Amino acid sequence: MVTAIPILDEEGEVSYVVATARDVTELQLFKEELEKTKILSSIYQAQMMEFCEKYLNEIQIVNRSKKMQEVMEVVSRIGPTDVTVLLIGETGVGKEVIANLIHSLSNRKGPFVRFYCNAVARELVEAELFGYEKGAFTGAYSSKPGLLEVADNGTLFFDEVGDLPYELQGKFLQVLEKKNFAE
């Protein structure tokens, strides 16, 4: 693309012409890329709507509000990924339902395992999470795998994780960081 601006002398006659030439090939490529992105975006929106109608009706998630629709959009994006997710919300808002939905959308082959942190005595939480060997303590007549092992290749949902004893929260954080619980 060429743009020219005439420079006039005192009598109004063209004295010079300043011309600039610009290669618009890159601009054209950007426009084409933008069009492709718009098409992909509309396809994505249609797929989101299909997802919402198909799956959310099956599991009965009410998502009429703008905020819940945003949550469902995030769920659909993170479901197929292998990431650790922290769901925050008041009791009864459906964190477990959302966690289960994320699990069902994932490629995880293992089970969805629930652990209600405030439903287990503080002294038994570590044994429940990490398991124990036969004879490890009084009453341990057989070995038992911990929930971290049971949920291997799956999802472990911690309800009320803030109720875990502080010393276990540190161990749990190490498990999350290392993605491994073996000593």
Protein backbone atom coordinates (compact mmCIF):
# COMPACT_ATOMS: atom_id res chain seq x y z
CA MET A 1 0.00 0.00 0.00
CA VAL A 2 1.36 3.41 -0.96
CA THR A 3 0.31 6.71 0.58
CA ALA A 4 1.39 10.04 -0.98
CA ILE A 5 1.14 13.57 0.36
CA PRO A 6 1.87 16.52 -1.94
CA ILE A 7 4.07 19.34 -0.64
CA LEU A 8 3.01 22.65 -2.16
CA ASP A 9 5.17 25.67 -2.79
CA GLU A 10 4.18 29.28 -2.04
CA GLU A 11 2.13 29.49 -5.23
CA GLY A 12 0.18 26.34 -4.47
CA GLU A 13 1.99 24.25 -7.01
CA VAL A 14 3.16 20.75 -6.19
CA SER A 15 6.78 21.02 -5.27
CA TYR A 16 7.40 17.58 -3.82
CA VAL A 17 5.46 14.42 -3.13
CA VAL A 18 6.22 12.47 0.01
CA ALA A 19 5.27 8.85 -0.48
CA THR A 20 5.33 6.01 2.02
CA ALA A 21 5.07 2.40 1.06
CA ARG A 22 3.86 -0.20 3.49
CA ASP A 23 3.90 -3.95 3.04
CA VAL A 24 0.40 -5.02 4.07
CA THR A 25 1.10 -8.72 3.69
CA GLU A 26 1.53 -9.11 7.44
CA LEU A 27 -1.59 -7.03 8.10
CA GLN A 28 -3.56 -9.25 5.75
CA LEU A 29 -2.24 -12.33 7.55
CA PHE A 30 -3.37 -10.85 10.86
CA LYS A 31 -6.83 -10.17 9.45
CA GLU A 32 -7.10 -13.74 8.18
CA GLU A 33 -5.92 -15.05 11.55
CA LEU A 34 -8.49 -12.87 13.31
CA GLU A 35 -11.25 -14.25 11.11
CA LYS A 36 -10.17 -17.81 11.87
CA THR A 37 -10.15 -16.98 15.58
CA LYS A 38 -13.65 -15.49 15.36
CA ILE A 39 -14.89 -18.65 13.63
CA LEU A 40 -13.23 -20.86 16.24
CA SER A 41 -14.70 -18.71 18.98
CA SER A 42 -18.21 -19.11 17.62
CA ILE A 43 -17.67 -22.87 17.29
CA TYR A 44 -16.40 -22.92 20.87
CA GLN A 45 -19.46 -20.99 22.07
CA ALA A 46 -21.76 -23.43 20.30
CA GLN A 47 -19.92 -26.37 21.83
CA MET A 48 -20.18 -24.75 25.26
CA MET A 49 -23.91 -24.38 24.87
CA GLU A 50 -24.19 -27.99 23.73
CA PHE A 51 -22.07 -29.09 26.69
CA CYS A 52 -24.23 -27.13 29.10
CA GLU A 53 -27.46 -28.50 27.70
CA LYS A 54 -26.23 -32.10 27.54
CA TYR A 55 -24.16 -32.64 30.68
CA LEU A 56 -25.45 -30.08 33.09
CA ASN A 57 -29.05 -31.20 32.68
CA GLU A 58 -27.95 -34.75 33.46
CA ILE A 59 -26.28 -33.80 36.72
CA GLN A 60 -28.80 -31.10 37.53
CA ILE A 61 -26.54 -28.09 38.00
CA VAL A 62 -28.45 -24.85 38.00
CA ASN A 63 -26.39 -22.44 35.95
CA ARG A 64 -28.69 -19.67 34.89
CA SER A 65 -26.69 -16.89 36.52
CA LYS A 66 -23.82 -15.23 34.70
CA LYS A 67 -21.38 -16.28 37.46
CA MET A 68 -22.37 -19.96 37.22
CA GLN A 69 -22.05 -19.86 33.46
CA GLU A 70 -18.54 -18.48 33.93
CA VAL A 71 -17.82 -21.33 36.38
CA MET A 72 -19.07 -23.86 33.83
CA GLU A 73 -16.86 -22.32 31.15
CA VAL A 74 -13.82 -22.67 33.42
CA VAL A 75 -14.83 -26.24 34.30
CA SER A 76 -15.04 -27.17 30.63
CA ARG A 77 -11.55 -25.75 30.04
CA ILE A 78 -9.79 -27.31 33.03
CA GLY A 79 -11.61 -30.65 32.97
CA PRO A 80 -9.41 -32.21 30.27
CA THR A 81 -6.19 -30.92 31.85
CA ASP A 82 -4.06 -32.47 34.59
CA VAL A 83 -4.05 -29.68 37.16
CA THR A 84 -4.68 -29.34 40.86
CA VAL A 85 -7.85 -27.35 41.47
CA LEU A 86 -8.89 -25.45 44.59
CA LEU A 87 -12.63 -24.83 44.85
CA ILE A 88 -13.57 -22.16 47.35
CA GLY A 89 -17.07 -21.45 48.55
CA GLU A 90 -19.42 -21.61 51.46
CA THR A 91 -20.85 -24.89 52.68
CA GLY A 92 -23.61 -26.15 50.41
CA VAL A 93 -22.76 -24.22 47.25
CA GLY A 94 -21.87 -27.36 45.27
CA LYS A 95 -18.08 -27.63 45.39
CA GLU A 96 -18.31 -31.42 45.38
CA VAL A 97 -20.68 -31.38 42.41
CA ILE A 98 -18.26 -29.16 40.49
CA ALA A 99 -15.29 -31.35 41.49
CA ASN A 100 -17.16 -34.44 40.31
CA LEU A 101 -17.97 -32.70 37.02
CA ILE A 102 -14.31 -31.77 36.51
CA HIS A 103 -13.39 -35.40 37.18
CA SER A 104 -16.00 -36.70 34.72
CA LEU A 105 -14.66 -34.36 32.01
CA SER A 106 -11.08 -35.43 32.64
CA ASN A 107 -8.98 -38.20 31.17
CA ARG A 108 -8.43 -39.65 34.64
CA LYS A 109 -8.94 -43.40 34.75
CA GLY A 110 -9.07 -43.69 38.54
CA PRO A 111 -12.02 -43.12 40.88
CA PHE A 112 -13.48 -39.97 42.34
CA VAL A 113 -12.72 -40.30 46.06
CA ARG A 114 -14.25 -38.03 48.71
CA PHE A 115 -12.61 -37.22 52.02
CA TYR A 116 -14.59 -35.23 54.55
CA CYS A 117 -11.82 -33.70 56.66
CA ASN A 118 -14.05 -32.84 59.61
CA ALA A 119 -15.72 -36.29 59.73
CA VAL A 120 -12.58 -38.18 60.82
CA ALA A 121 -10.94 -37.91 64.24
CA ARG A 122 -7.78 -35.81 64.11
CA GLU A 123 -5.68 -38.78 65.27
CA LEU A 124 -6.86 -40.92 62.34
CA VAL A 125 -6.61 -38.41 59.49
CA GLU A 126 -3.01 -39.26 58.60
CA ALA A 127 -3.75 -43.02 58.55
CA GLU A 128 -6.80 -42.39 56.35
CA LEU A 129 -4.84 -40.30 53.88
CA PHE A 130 -1.54 -42.17 53.76
CA GLY A 131 -2.63 -45.66 54.80
CA TYR A 132 -0.87 -48.00 57.19
CA GLU A 133 0.77 -51.40 57.43
CA LYS A 134 -0.39 -54.29 59.56
CA GLY A 135 0.77 -53.81 63.16
CA ALA A 136 1.63 -50.12 62.67
CA PHE A 137 -0.50 -49.29 65.73
CA THR A 138 -2.84 -51.02 68.14
CA GLY A 139 -5.82 -52.31 66.21
CA ALA A 140 -4.08 -52.36 62.81
CA TYR A 141 -4.76 -56.03 62.12
CA SER A 142 -4.24 -55.64 58.40
CA SER A 143 -2.68 -53.20 55.97
CA LYS A 144 -4.90 -50.51 54.51
CA PRO A 145 -4.10 -48.27 51.53
CA GLY A 146 -4.61 -44.58 52.14
CA LEU A 147 -7.02 -42.46 50.18
CA LEU A 148 -4.11 -40.93 48.26
CA GLU A 149 -3.29 -44.40 46.95
CA VAL A 150 -6.94 -45.32 46.36
CA ALA A 151 -7.41 -42.18 44.29
CA ASP A 152 -4.29 -42.83 42.20
CA ASN A 153 -4.93 -41.76 38.58
CA GLY A 154 -8.24 -40.34 39.74
CA THR A 155 -9.48 -37.42 41.80
CA LEU A 156 -9.27 -36.93 45.55
CA PHE A 157 -11.80 -34.38 46.77
CA PHE A 158 -11.11 -32.86 50.19
CA ASP A 159 -14.17 -31.29 51.75
CA GLU A 160 -13.32 -28.64 54.36
CA VAL A 161 -9.55 -28.99 53.84
CA GLY A 162 -9.07 -26.11 56.26
CA ASP A 163 -10.19 -28.45 59.06
CA LEU A 164 -7.13 -30.66 58.59
CA PRO A 165 -4.65 -30.41 61.48
CA TYR A 166 -1.93 -27.86 60.63
CA GLU A 167 0.87 -30.44 60.68
CA LEU A 168 -1.03 -32.52 58.12
CA GLN A 169 -1.72 -29.49 55.96
CA GLY A 170 2.06 -29.20 55.52
CA LYS A 171 2.38 -32.86 54.51
CA PHE A 172 -0.59 -32.50 52.22
CA LEU A 173 1.00 -29.45 50.57
CA GLN A 174 4.13 -31.50 49.89
CA VAL A 175 2.00 -34.19 48.25
CA LEU A 176 0.37 -31.57 46.03
CA GLU A 177 3.71 -30.05 45.06
CA LYS A 178 5.50 -33.35 44.39
CA LYS A 179 2.42 -35.18 43.05
CA ASN A 180 3.79 -38.15 44.98
CA PHE A 181 3.22 -39.33 48.52
CA ALA A 182 5.85 -42.08 48.85
CA GLU A 183 8.45 -41.44 51.52
